[in-house]
Amino acid sequence: METTRQNKIARLIQKELSEMFQQQTRTMHGVLVSVSVVRISPDMSYARAYLSVFPSERAEEIVKNINDNVKSIRYELGTRVRYQLRIIPELKFFVDDSLDYAAHIDELLKK
């Protein structure tokens, strides 16, 4: 069960990360990265962000690239939210494949 403070911080981080990824993917034609959900630890020091990537074939590659550059992403996030947060949480990114899973279930139900 997450507290109200955790939810507010998670929404703030989700909004800022989505804006950052939107700016970055404008240069990469045919790629769309969105932040599905952000989960933050109770001590506000660790955040897990789940990314939905289109096309889904490149999802693992893109998330690996993002995890390799997590220091620069955290720094940019810190410059954006420095007045709202005292400590910028450590970030870890994961692939959110819930849309692919739902599409797969729909295909199975249609058969």
PDB file of N, CA and C in Angstrom:
ATOM      1  N   MET A   1       0.845  -1.187   0.000  1.00  0.00           N
ATOM      2  CA  MET A   1       0.000   0.000   0.000  1.00  0.00           C
ATOM      3  C   MET A   1       0.884   1.241   0.000  1.00  0.00           C
ATOM      4  N   GLU A   2       0.715   2.064  -1.004  1.00  0.00           N
ATOM      5  CA  GLU A   2       1.530   3.262  -1.120  1.00  0.00           C
ATOM      6  C   GLU A   2       0.844   4.444  -0.445  1.00  0.00           C
ATOM      7  N   THR A   3       1.654   5.304   0.141  1.00  0.00           N
ATOM      8  CA  THR A   3       1.122   6.480   0.809  1.00  0.00           C
ATOM      9  C   THR A   3       0.808   7.570  -0.209  1.00  0.00           C
ATOM     10  N   THR A   4       0.137   8.592   0.241  1.00  0.00           N
ATOM     11  CA  THR A   4      -0.208   9.712  -0.623  1.00  0.00           C
ATOM     12  C   THR A   4       1.050  10.405  -1.121  1.00  0.00           C
ATOM     13  N   ARG A   5       2.032  10.547  -0.250  1.00  0.00           N
ATOM     14  CA  ARG A   5       3.302  11.191  -0.639  1.00  0.00           C
ATOM     15  C   ARG A   5       4.010  10.385  -1.721  1.00  0.00           C
ATOM     16  N   GLN A   6       4.033   9.067  -1.584  1.00  0.00           N
ATOM     17  CA  GLN A   6       4.648   8.218  -2.602  1.00  0.00           C
ATOM     18  C   GLN A   6       3.936   8.383  -3.942  1.00  0.00           C
ATOM     19  N   ASN A   7       2.621   8.425  -3.909  1.00  0.00           N
ATOM     20  CA  ASN A   7       1.849   8.580  -5.145  1.00  0.00           C
ATOM     21  C   ASN A   7       2.124   9.916  -5.822  1.00  0.00           C
ATOM     22  N   LYS A   8       2.215  10.991  -5.038  1.00  0.00           N
ATOM     23  CA  LYS A   8       2.482  12.314  -5.602  1.00  0.00           C
ATOM     24  C   LYS A   8       3.862  12.374  -6.238  1.00  0.00           C
ATOM     25  N   ILE A   9       4.855  11.813  -5.554  1.00  0.00           N
ATOM     26  CA  ILE A   9       6.210  11.822  -6.091  1.00  0.00           C
ATOM     27  C   ILE A   9       6.288  10.940  -7.334  1.00  0.00           C
ATOM     28  N   ALA A  10       5.618   9.799  -7.312  1.00  0.00           N
ATOM     29  CA  ALA A  10       5.621   8.904  -8.465  1.00  0.00           C
ATOM     30  C   ALA A  10       4.985   9.580  -9.677  1.00  0.00           C
ATOM     31  N   ARG A  11       3.894  10.289  -9.478  1.00  0.00           N
ATOM     32  CA  ARG A  11       3.250  11.004 -10.594  1.00  0.00           C
ATOM     33  C   ARG A  11       4.148  12.115 -11.136  1.00  0.00           C
ATOM     34  N   LEU A  12       4.838  12.831 -10.234  1.00  0.00           N
ATOM     35  CA  LEU A  12       5.741  13.891 -10.657  1.00  0.00           C
ATOM     36  C   LEU A  12       6.889  13.316 -11.487  1.00  0.00           C
ATOM     37  N   ILE A  13       7.482  12.229 -11.017  1.00  0.00           N
ATOM     38  CA  ILE A  13       8.592  11.607 -11.739  1.00  0.00           C
ATOM     39  C   ILE A  13       8.110  11.061 -13.079  1.00  0.00           C
ATOM     40  N   GLN A  14       6.927  10.454 -13.098  1.00  0.00           N
ATOM     41  CA  GLN A  14       6.372   9.915 -14.332  1.00  0.00           C
ATOM     42  C   GLN A  14       6.174  11.022 -15.366  1.00  0.00           C
ATOM     43  N   LYS A  15       5.638  12.145 -14.943  1.00  0.00           N
ATOM     44  CA  LYS A  15       5.387  13.272 -15.845  1.00  0.00           C
ATOM     45  C   LYS A  15       6.695  13.814 -16.416  1.00  0.00           C
ATOM     46  N   GLU A  16       7.674  14.008 -15.552  1.00  0.00           N
ATOM     47  CA  GLU A  16       8.942  14.575 -16.007  1.00  0.00           C
ATOM     48  C   GLU A  16       9.704  13.605 -16.905  1.00  0.00           C
ATOM     49  N   LEU A  17       9.713  12.321 -16.547  1.00  0.00           N
ATOM     50  CA  LEU A  17      10.396  11.335 -17.382  1.00  0.00           C
ATOM     51  C   LEU A  17       9.736  11.226 -18.751  1.00  0.00           C
ATOM     52  N   SER A  18       8.407  11.273 -18.781  1.00  0.00           N
ATOM     53  CA  SER A  18       7.720  11.161 -20.070  1.00  0.00           C
ATOM     54  C   SER A  18       8.038  12.356 -20.963  1.00  0.00           C
ATOM     55  N   GLU A  19       8.141  13.541 -20.388  1.00  0.00           N
ATOM     56  CA  GLU A  19       8.519  14.714 -21.173  1.00  0.00           C
ATOM     57  C   GLU A  19       9.951  14.589 -21.692  1.00  0.00           C
ATOM     58  N   MET A  20      10.855  14.076 -20.842  1.00  0.00           N
ATOM     59  CA  MET A  20      12.244  13.899 -21.259  1.00  0.00           C
ATOM     60  C   MET A  20      12.346  12.896 -22.408  1.00  0.00           C
ATOM     61  N   PHE A  21      11.649  11.762 -22.283  1.00  0.00           N
ATOM     62  CA  PHE A  21      11.718  10.743 -23.330  1.00  0.00           C
ATOM     63  C   PHE A  21      11.039  11.213 -24.608  1.00  0.00           C
ATOM     64  N   GLN A  22      10.001  12.022 -24.483  1.00  0.00           N
ATOM     65  CA  GLN A  22       9.330  12.548 -25.669  1.00  0.00           C
ATOM     66  C   GLN A  22      10.282  13.460 -26.442  1.00  0.00           C
ATOM     67  N   GLN A  23      11.036  14.299 -25.734  1.00  0.00           N
ATOM     68  CA  GLN A  23      12.001  15.168 -26.404  1.00  0.00           C
ATOM     69  C   GLN A  23      13.101  14.355 -27.068  1.00  0.00           C
ATOM     70  N   GLN A  24      13.570  13.300 -26.384  1.00  0.00           N
ATOM     71  CA  GLN A  24      14.654  12.491 -26.928  1.00  0.00           C
ATOM     72  C   GLN A  24      14.214  11.684 -28.146  1.00  0.00           C
ATOM     73  N   THR A  25      12.991  11.180 -28.148  1.00  0.00           N
ATOM     74  CA  THR A  25      12.558  10.313 -29.248  1.00  0.00           C
ATOM     75  C   THR A  25      12.054  11.090 -30.458  1.00  0.00           C
ATOM     76  N   ARG A  26      11.974  12.390 -30.369  1.00  0.00           N
ATOM     77  CA  ARG A  26      11.593  13.173 -31.549  1.00  0.00           C
ATOM     78  C   ARG A  26      12.623  13.021 -32.652  1.00  0.00           C
ATOM     79  N   THR A  27      13.894  12.849 -32.277  1.00  0.00           N
ATOM     80  CA  THR A  27      14.943  12.700 -33.280  1.00  0.00           C
ATOM     81  C   THR A  27      14.967  11.295 -33.871  1.00  0.00           C
ATOM     82  N   MET A  28      14.459  10.305 -33.132  1.00  0.00           N
ATOM     83  CA  MET A  28      14.426   8.919 -33.603  1.00  0.00           C
ATOM     84  C   MET A  28      13.068   8.666 -34.249  1.00  0.00           C
ATOM     85  N   HIS A  29      13.006   8.670 -35.555  1.00  0.00           N
ATOM     86  CA  HIS A  29      11.735   8.501 -36.266  1.00  0.00           C
ATOM     87  C   HIS A  29      11.255   7.059 -36.144  1.00  0.00           C
ATOM     88  N   GLY A  30       9.978   6.891 -35.853  1.00  0.00           N
ATOM     89  CA  GLY A  30       9.387   5.570 -35.763  1.00  0.00           C
ATOM     90  C   GLY A  30       9.499   4.923 -34.402  1.00  0.00           C
ATOM     91  N   VAL A  31       9.964   5.656 -33.403  1.00  0.00           N
ATOM     92  CA  VAL A  31      10.095   5.102 -32.053  1.00  0.00           C
ATOM     93  C   VAL A  31       9.304   5.983 -31.092  1.00  0.00           C
ATOM     94  N   LEU A  32       8.534   5.330 -30.221  1.00  0.00           N
ATOM     95  CA  LEU A  32       7.754   6.030 -29.220  1.00  0.00           C
ATOM     96  C   LEU A  32       7.986   5.364 -27.870  1.00  0.00           C
ATOM     97  N   VAL A  33       8.414   6.146 -26.884  1.00  0.00           N
ATOM     98  CA  VAL A  33       8.651   5.638 -25.544  1.00  0.00           C
ATOM     99  C   VAL A  33       7.731   6.390 -24.597  1.00  0.00           C
ATOM    100  N   SER A  34       6.934   5.648 -23.835  1.00  0.00           N
ATOM    101  CA  SER A  34       6.066   6.272 -22.847  1.00  0.00           C
ATOM    102  C   SER A  34       6.290   5.615 -21.494  1.00  0.00           C
ATOM    103  N   VAL A  35       6.066   6.365 -20.455  1.00  0.00           N
ATOM    104  CA  VAL A  35       6.239   5.871 -19.099  1.00  0.00           C
ATOM    105  C   VAL A  35       4.872   5.403 -18.609  1.00  0.00           C
ATOM    106  N   SER A  36       4.739   4.079 -18.422  1.00  0.00           N
ATOM    107  CA  SER A  36       3.449   3.516 -18.014  1.00  0.00           C
ATOM    108  C   SER A  36       3.160   3.798 -16.553  1.00  0.00           C
ATOM    109  N   VAL A  37       4.098   3.446 -15.697  1.00  0.00           N
ATOM    110  CA  VAL A  37       3.889   3.614 -14.267  1.00  0.00           C
ATOM    111  C   VAL A  37       5.243   3.767 -13.587  1.00  0.00           C
ATOM    112  N   VAL A  38       5.253   4.489 -12.487  1.00  0.00           N
ATOM    113  CA  VAL A  38       6.447   4.631 -11.658  1.00  0.00           C
ATOM    114  C   VAL A  38       6.089   4.179 -10.253  1.00  0.00           C
ATOM    115  N   ARG A  39       6.893   3.293  -9.725  1.00  0.00           N
ATOM    116  CA  ARG A  39       6.718   2.823  -8.342  1.00  0.00           C
ATOM    117  C   ARG A  39       7.908   3.324  -7.535  1.00  0.00           C
ATOM    118  N   ILE A  40       7.633   3.891  -6.380  1.00  0.00           N
ATOM    119  CA  ILE A  40       8.691   4.461  -5.555  1.00  0.00           C
ATOM    120  C   ILE A  40       8.736   3.757  -4.209  1.00  0.00           C
ATOM    121  N   SER A  41       9.931   3.575  -3.683  1.00  0.00           N
ATOM    122  CA  SER A  41      10.092   2.868  -2.415  1.00  0.00           C
ATOM    123  C   SER A  41       9.580   3.732  -1.259  1.00  0.00           C
ATOM    124  N   PRO A  42       9.270   3.115  -0.127  1.00  0.00           N
ATOM    125  CA  PRO A  42       8.737   3.891   1.008  1.00  0.00           C
ATOM    126  C   PRO A  42       9.688   4.965   1.532  1.00  0.00           C
ATOM    127  N   ASP A  43      11.004   4.766   1.384  1.00  0.00           N
ATOM    128  CA  ASP A  43      11.934   5.790   1.860  1.00  0.00           C
ATOM    129  C   ASP A  43      12.289   6.811   0.776  1.00  0.00           C
ATOM    130  N   MET A  44      11.604   6.753  -0.361  1.00  0.00           N
ATOM    131  CA  MET A  44      11.721   7.706  -1.464  1.00  0.00           C
ATOM    132  C   MET A  44      13.125   7.738  -2.088  1.00  0.00           C
ATOM    133  N   SER A  45      13.894   6.668  -1.951  1.00  0.00           N
ATOM    134  CA  SER A  45      15.250   6.686  -2.471  1.00  0.00           C
ATOM    135  C   SER A  45      15.425   5.847  -3.729  1.00  0.00           C
ATOM    136  N   TYR A  46      14.422   5.086  -4.107  1.00  0.00           N
ATOM    137  CA  TYR A  46      14.537   4.177  -5.240  1.00  0.00           C
ATOM    138  C   TYR A  46      13.231   4.193  -6.022  1.00  0.00           C
ATOM    139  N   ALA A  47      13.330   4.381  -7.337  1.00  0.00           N
ATOM    140  CA  ALA A  47      12.136   4.414  -8.177  1.00  0.00           C
ATOM    141  C   ALA A  47      12.297   3.444  -9.335  1.00  0.00           C
ATOM    142  N   ARG A  48      11.246   2.678  -9.585  1.00  0.00           N
ATOM    143  CA  ARG A  48      11.204   1.761 -10.725  1.00  0.00           C
ATOM    144  C   ARG A  48      10.217   2.322 -11.730  1.00  0.00           C
ATOM    145  N   ALA A  49      10.696   2.552 -12.943  1.00  0.00           N
ATOM    146  CA  ALA A  49       9.847   3.095 -14.000  1.00  0.00           C
ATOM    147  C   ALA A  49       9.631   2.020 -15.051  1.00  0.00           C
ATOM    148  N   TYR A  50       8.385   1.815 -15.422  1.00  0.00           N
ATOM    149  CA  TYR A  50       8.027   0.837 -16.441  1.00  0.00           C
ATOM    150  C   TYR A  50       7.738   1.579 -17.729  1.00  0.00           C
ATOM    151  N   LEU A  51       8.469   1.215 -18.796  1.00  0.00           N
ATOM    152  CA  LEU A  51       8.389   1.913 -20.070  1.00  0.00           C
ATOM    153  C   LEU A  51       7.673   1.065 -21.106  1.00  0.00           C
ATOM    154  N   SER A  52       6.797   1.698 -21.840  1.00  0.00           N
ATOM    155  CA  SER A  52       6.134   1.061 -22.963  1.00  0.00           C
ATOM    156  C   SER A  52       6.769   1.609 -24.231  1.00  0.00           C
ATOM    157  N   VAL A  53       7.293   0.708 -25.062  1.00  0.00           N
ATOM    158  CA  VAL A  53       8.055   1.112 -26.238  1.00  0.00           C
ATOM    159  C   VAL A  53       7.327   0.630 -27.491  1.00  0.00           C
ATOM    160  N   PHE A  54       7.212   1.521 -28.470  1.00  0.00           N
ATOM    161  CA  PHE A  54       6.670   1.156 -29.770  1.00  0.00           C
ATOM    162  C   PHE A  54       7.721   1.454 -30.819  1.00  0.00           C
ATOM    163  N   PRO A  55       8.118   0.570 -31.653  1.00  0.00           N
ATOM    164  CA  PRO A  55       7.679  -0.808 -31.842  1.00  0.00           C
ATOM    165  C   PRO A  55       8.252  -1.718 -30.755  1.00  0.00           C
ATOM    166  N   SER A  56       7.468  -2.705 -30.377  1.00  0.00           N
ATOM    167  CA  SER A  56       7.842  -3.551 -29.246  1.00  0.00           C
ATOM    168  C   SER A  56       9.022  -4.467 -29.555  1.00  0.00           C
ATOM    169  N   GLU A  57       9.396  -4.624 -30.829  1.00  0.00           N
ATOM    170  CA  GLU A  57      10.556  -5.446 -31.168  1.00  0.00           C
ATOM    171  C   GLU A  57      11.849  -4.821 -30.661  1.00  0.00           C
ATOM    172  N   ARG A  58      11.884  -3.519 -30.562  1.00  0.00           N
ATOM    173  CA  ARG A  58      13.092  -2.816 -30.114  1.00  0.00           C
ATOM    174  C   ARG A  58      13.055  -2.463 -28.636  1.00  0.00           C
ATOM    175  N   ALA A  59      12.083  -2.972 -27.911  1.00  0.00           N
ATOM    176  CA  ALA A  59      11.893  -2.571 -26.513  1.00  0.00           C
ATOM    177  C   ALA A  59      13.098  -2.923 -25.643  1.00  0.00           C
ATOM    178  N   GLU A  60      13.585  -4.159 -25.744  1.00  0.00           N
ATOM    179  CA  GLU A  60      14.721  -4.578 -24.912  1.00  0.00           C
ATOM    180  C   GLU A  60      15.952  -3.731 -25.204  1.00  0.00           C
ATOM    181  N   GLU A  61      16.206  -3.466 -26.473  1.00  0.00           N
ATOM    182  CA  GLU A  61      17.369  -2.676 -26.868  1.00  0.00           C
ATOM    183  C   GLU A  61      17.289  -1.255 -26.313  1.00  0.00           C
ATOM    184  N   ILE A  62      16.120  -0.645 -26.433  1.00  0.00           N
ATOM    185  CA  ILE A  62      15.956   0.741 -25.989  1.00  0.00           C
ATOM    186  C   ILE A  62      16.038   0.846 -24.467  1.00  0.00           C
ATOM    187  N   VAL A  63      15.403  -0.078 -23.753  1.00  0.00           N
ATOM    188  CA  VAL A  63      15.447  -0.027 -22.290  1.00  0.00           C
ATOM    189  C   VAL A  63      16.862  -0.303 -21.785  1.00  0.00           C
ATOM    190  N   LYS A  64      17.595  -1.175 -22.449  1.00  0.00           N
ATOM    191  CA  LYS A  64      18.991  -1.426 -22.066  1.00  0.00           C
ATOM    192  C   LYS A  64      19.814  -0.161 -22.263  1.00  0.00           C
ATOM    193  N   ASN A  65      19.591   0.539 -23.373  1.00  0.00           N
ATOM    194  CA  ASN A  65      20.290   1.787 -23.638  1.00  0.00           C
ATOM    195  C   ASN A  65      19.946   2.840 -22.581  1.00  0.00           C
ATOM    196  N   ILE A  66      18.687   2.894 -22.195  1.00  0.00           N
ATOM    197  CA  ILE A  66      18.261   3.849 -21.165  1.00  0.00           C
ATOM    198  C   ILE A  66      18.903   3.510 -19.827  1.00  0.00           C
ATOM    199  N   ASN A  67      18.943   2.214 -19.470  1.00  0.00           N
ATOM    200  CA  ASN A  67      19.578   1.810 -18.210  1.00  0.00           C
ATOM    201  C   ASN A  67      21.078   2.075 -18.222  1.00  0.00           C
ATOM    202  N   ASP A  68      21.719   2.024 -19.394  1.00  0.00           N
ATOM    203  CA  ASP A  68      23.141   2.344 -19.488  1.00  0.00           C
ATOM    204  C   ASP A  68      23.394   3.833 -19.263  1.00  0.00           C
ATOM    205  N   ASN A  69      22.416   4.675 -19.590  1.00  0.00           N
ATOM    206  CA  ASN A  69      22.557   6.128 -19.451  1.00  0.00           C
ATOM    207  C   ASN A  69      21.761   6.682 -18.278  1.00  0.00           C
ATOM    208  N   VAL A  70      21.559   5.876 -17.242  1.00  0.00           N
ATOM    209  CA  VAL A  70      20.690   6.271 -16.137  1.00  0.00           C
ATOM    210  C   VAL A  70      21.270   7.451 -15.345  1.00  0.00           C
ATOM    211  N   LYS A  71      22.582   7.600 -15.314  1.00  0.00           N
ATOM    212  CA  LYS A  71      23.178   8.720 -14.572  1.00  0.00           C
ATOM    213  C   LYS A  71      22.819  10.060 -15.195  1.00  0.00           C
ATOM    214  N   SER A  72      22.891  10.151 -16.512  1.00  0.00           N
ATOM    215  CA  SER A  72      22.551  11.415 -17.165  1.00  0.00           C
ATOM    216  C   SER A  72      21.048  11.688 -17.087  1.00  0.00           C
ATOM    217  N   ILE A  73      20.235  10.631 -17.128  1.00  0.00           N
ATOM    218  CA  ILE A  73      18.784  10.801 -16.999  1.00  0.00           C
ATOM    219  C   ILE A  73      18.446  11.286 -15.598  1.00  0.00           C
ATOM    220  N   ARG A  74      19.080  10.708 -14.586  1.00  0.00           N
ATOM    221  CA  ARG A  74      18.834  11.122 -13.205  1.00  0.00           C
ATOM    222  C   ARG A  74      19.270  12.569 -12.988  1.00  0.00           C
ATOM    223  N   TYR A  75      20.391  12.960 -13.604  1.00  0.00           N
ATOM    224  CA  TYR A  75      20.859  14.340 -13.482  1.00  0.00           C
ATOM    225  C   TYR A  75      19.855  15.307 -14.102  1.00  0.00           C
ATOM    226  N   GLU A  76      19.376  14.983 -15.306  1.00  0.00           N
ATOM    227  CA  GLU A  76      18.397  15.854 -15.959  1.00  0.00           C
ATOM    228  C   GLU A  76      17.091  15.911 -15.164  1.00  0.00           C
ATOM    229  N   LEU A  77      16.685  14.772 -14.618  1.00  0.00           N
ATOM    230  CA  LEU A  77      15.492  14.753 -13.770  1.00  0.00           C
ATOM    231  C   LEU A  77      15.702  15.639 -12.546  1.00  0.00           C
ATOM    232  N   GLY A  78      16.899  15.571 -11.971  1.00  0.00           N
ATOM    233  CA  GLY A  78      17.217  16.397 -10.804  1.00  0.00           C
ATOM    234  C   GLY A  78      17.161  17.880 -11.097  1.00  0.00           C
ATOM    235  N   THR A  79      17.595  18.278 -12.296  1.00  0.00           N
ATOM    236  CA  THR A  79      17.524  19.701 -12.639  1.00  0.00           C
ATOM    237  C   THR A  79      16.085  20.157 -12.834  1.00  0.00           C
ATOM    238  N   ARG A  80      15.212  19.242 -13.239  1.00  0.00           N
ATOM    239  CA  ARG A  80      13.811  19.605 -13.454  1.00  0.00           C
ATOM    240  C   ARG A  80      13.005  19.663 -12.153  1.00  0.00           C
ATOM    241  N   VAL A  81      13.300  18.787 -11.185  1.00  0.00           N
ATOM    242  CA  VAL A  81      12.476  18.692  -9.967  1.00  0.00           C
ATOM    243  C   VAL A  81      13.250  19.098  -8.713  1.00  0.00           C
ATOM    244  N   ARG A  82      14.305  19.867  -8.872  1.00  0.00           N
ATOM    245  CA  ARG A  82      15.155  20.187  -7.723  1.00  0.00           C
ATOM    246  C   ARG A  82      14.442  20.996  -6.644  1.00  0.00           C
ATOM    247  N   TYR A  83      13.409  21.728  -7.013  1.00  0.00           N
ATOM    248  CA  TYR A  83      12.699  22.518  -6.006  1.00  0.00           C
ATOM    249  C   TYR A  83      11.542  21.752  -5.366  1.00  0.00           C
ATOM    250  N   GLN A  84      11.123  20.647  -5.982  1.00  0.00           N
ATOM    251  CA  GLN A  84      10.024  19.856  -5.422  1.00  0.00           C
ATOM    252  C   GLN A  84      10.525  18.731  -4.520  1.00  0.00           C
ATOM    253  N   LEU A  85      11.698  18.167  -4.823  1.00  0.00           N
ATOM    254  CA  LEU A  85      12.201  17.017  -4.083  1.00  0.00           C
ATOM    255  C   LEU A  85      13.529  17.342  -3.418  1.00  0.00           C
ATOM    256  N   ARG A  86      13.712  16.816  -2.242  1.00  0.00           N
ATOM    257  CA  ARG A  86      14.976  17.004  -1.536  1.00  0.00           C
ATOM    258  C   ARG A  86      16.026  16.017  -2.045  1.00  0.00           C
ATOM    259  N   ILE A  87      15.621  14.771  -2.257  1.00  0.00           N
ATOM    260  CA  ILE A  87      16.522  13.728  -2.742  1.00  0.00           C
ATOM    261  C   ILE A  87      15.948  13.171  -4.043  1.00  0.00           C
ATOM    262  N   ILE A  88      16.780  13.102  -5.060  1.00  0.00           N
ATOM    263  CA  ILE A  88      16.365  12.520  -6.332  1.00  0.00           C
ATOM    264  C   ILE A  88      16.585  11.007  -6.224  1.00  0.00           C
ATOM    265  N   PRO A  89      15.543  10.213  -6.421  1.00  0.00           N
ATOM    266  CA  PRO A  89      15.688   8.767  -6.224  1.00  0.00           C
ATOM    267  C   PRO A  89      16.553   8.106  -7.300  1.00  0.00           C
ATOM    268  N   GLU A  90      17.155   6.978  -6.935  1.00  0.00           N
ATOM    269  CA  GLU A  90      17.864   6.146  -7.898  1.00  0.00           C
ATOM    270  C   GLU A  90      16.823   5.575  -8.854  1.00  0.00           C
ATOM    271  N   LEU A  91      17.155   5.521 -10.138  1.00  0.00           N
ATOM    272  CA  LEU A  91      16.195   5.090 -11.144  1.00  0.00           C
ATOM    273  C   LEU A  91      16.590   3.741 -11.729  1.00  0.00           C
ATOM    274  N   LYS A  92      15.592   2.923 -12.003  1.00  0.00           N
ATOM    275  CA  LYS A  92      15.772   1.660 -12.706  1.00  0.00           C
ATOM    276  C   LYS A  92      14.601   1.517 -13.662  1.00  0.00           C
ATOM    277  N   PHE A  93      14.886   1.172 -14.913  1.00  0.00           N
ATOM    278  CA  PHE A  93      13.853   1.106 -15.938  1.00  0.00           C
ATOM    279  C   PHE A  93      13.596  -0.335 -16.343  1.00  0.00           C
ATOM    280  N   PHE A  94      12.320  -0.652 -16.571  1.00  0.00           N
ATOM    281  CA  PHE A  94      11.892  -1.975 -16.965  1.00  0.00           C
ATOM    282  C   PHE A  94      10.929  -1.855 -18.144  1.00  0.00           C
ATOM    283  N   VAL A  95      10.823  -2.935 -18.919  1.00  0.00           N
ATOM    284  CA  VAL A  95       9.893  -2.972 -20.045  1.00  0.00           C
ATOM    285  C   VAL A  95       8.499  -3.297 -19.520  1.00  0.00           C
ATOM    286  N   ASP A  96       7.518  -2.500 -19.926  1.00  0.00           N
ATOM    287  CA  ASP A  96       6.124  -2.771 -19.589  1.00  0.00           C
ATOM    288  C   ASP A  96       5.480  -3.412 -20.805  1.00  0.00           C
ATOM    289  N   ASP A  97       5.216  -4.697 -20.711  1.00  0.00           N
ATOM    290  CA  ASP A  97       4.663  -5.422 -21.850  1.00  0.00           C
ATOM    291  C   ASP A  97       3.187  -5.748 -21.654  1.00  0.00           C
ATOM    292  N   SER A  98       2.497  -4.964 -20.884  1.00  0.00           N
ATOM    293  CA  SER A  98       1.085  -5.242 -20.605  1.00  0.00           C
ATOM    294  C   SER A  98       0.220  -5.103 -21.861  1.00  0.00           C
ATOM    295  N   LEU A  99       0.547  -4.165 -22.755  1.00  0.00           N
ATOM    296  CA  LEU A  99      -0.231  -4.015 -23.983  1.00  0.00           C
ATOM    297  C   LEU A  99      -0.036  -5.211 -24.909  1.00  0.00           C
ATOM    298  N   ASP A 100       1.195  -5.703 -25.007  1.00  0.00           N
ATOM    299  CA  ASP A 100       1.447  -6.892 -25.820  1.00  0.00           C
ATOM    300  C   ASP A 100       0.741  -8.097 -25.228  1.00  0.00           C
ATOM    301  N   TYR A 101       0.732  -8.189 -23.917  1.00  0.00           N
ATOM    302  CA  TYR A 101       0.077  -9.303 -23.229  1.00  0.00           C
ATOM    303  C   TYR A 101      -1.434  -9.263 -23.482  1.00  0.00           C
ATOM    304  N   ALA A 102      -2.024  -8.083 -23.412  1.00  0.00           N
ATOM    305  CA  ALA A 102      -3.464  -7.944 -23.665  1.00  0.00           C
ATOM    306  C   ALA A 102      -3.798  -8.282 -25.117  1.00  0.00           C
ATOM    307  N   ALA A 103      -2.958  -7.873 -26.041  1.00  0.00           N
ATOM    308  CA  ALA A 103      -3.193  -8.194 -27.452  1.00  0.00           C
ATOM    309  C   ALA A 103      -3.075  -9.693 -27.693  1.00  0.00           C
ATOM    310  N   HIS A 104      -2.141 -10.326 -27.028  1.00  0.00           N
ATOM    311  CA  HIS A 104      -1.970 -11.775 -27.155  1.00  0.00           C
ATOM    312  C   HIS A 104      -3.197 -12.517 -26.616  1.00  0.00           C
ATOM    313  N   ILE A 105      -3.734 -12.065 -25.505  1.00  0.00           N
ATOM    314  CA  ILE A 105      -4.935 -12.689 -24.933  1.00  0.00           C
ATOM    315  C   ILE A 105      -6.115 -12.510 -25.883  1.00  0.00           C
ATOM    316  N   ASP A 106      -6.249 -11.326 -26.480  1.00  0.00           N
ATOM    317  CA  ASP A 106      -7.327 -11.098 -27.449  1.00  0.00           C
ATOM    318  C   ASP A 106      -7.216 -12.042 -28.644  1.00  0.00           C
ATOM    319  N   GLU A 107      -5.990 -12.239 -29.120  1.00  0.00           N
ATOM    320  CA  GLU A 107      -5.787 -13.176 -30.229  1.00  0.00           C
ATOM    321  C   GLU A 107      -6.202 -14.589 -29.846  1.00  0.00           C
ATOM    322  N   LEU A 108      -5.840 -15.003 -28.623  1.00  0.00           N
ATOM    323  CA  LEU A 108      -6.191 -16.342 -28.176  1.00  0.00           C
ATOM    324  C   LEU A 108      -7.698 -16.508 -28.019  1.00  0.00           C
ATOM    325  N   LEU A 109      -8.371 -15.471 -27.573  1.00  0.00           N
ATOM    326  CA  LEU A 109      -9.828 -15.540 -27.400  1.00  0.00           C
ATOM    327  C   LEU A 109     -10.550 -15.569 -28.745  1.00  0.00           C
ATOM    328  N   LYS A 110      -9.981 -14.957 -29.755  1.00  0.00           N
ATOM    329  CA  LYS A 110     -10.608 -14.933 -31.071  1.00  0.00           C
ATOM    330  C   LYS A 110     -10.516 -16.291 -31.773  1.00  0.00           C
ATOM    331  N   LYS A 111      -9.530 -17.102 -31.380  1.00  0.00           N
ATOM    332  CA  LYS A 111      -9.354 -18.426 -32.028  1.00  0.00           C
ATOM    333  C   LYS A 111     -10.413 -19.410 -31.621  1.00  0.00           C
TER     334      LYS A 111
END
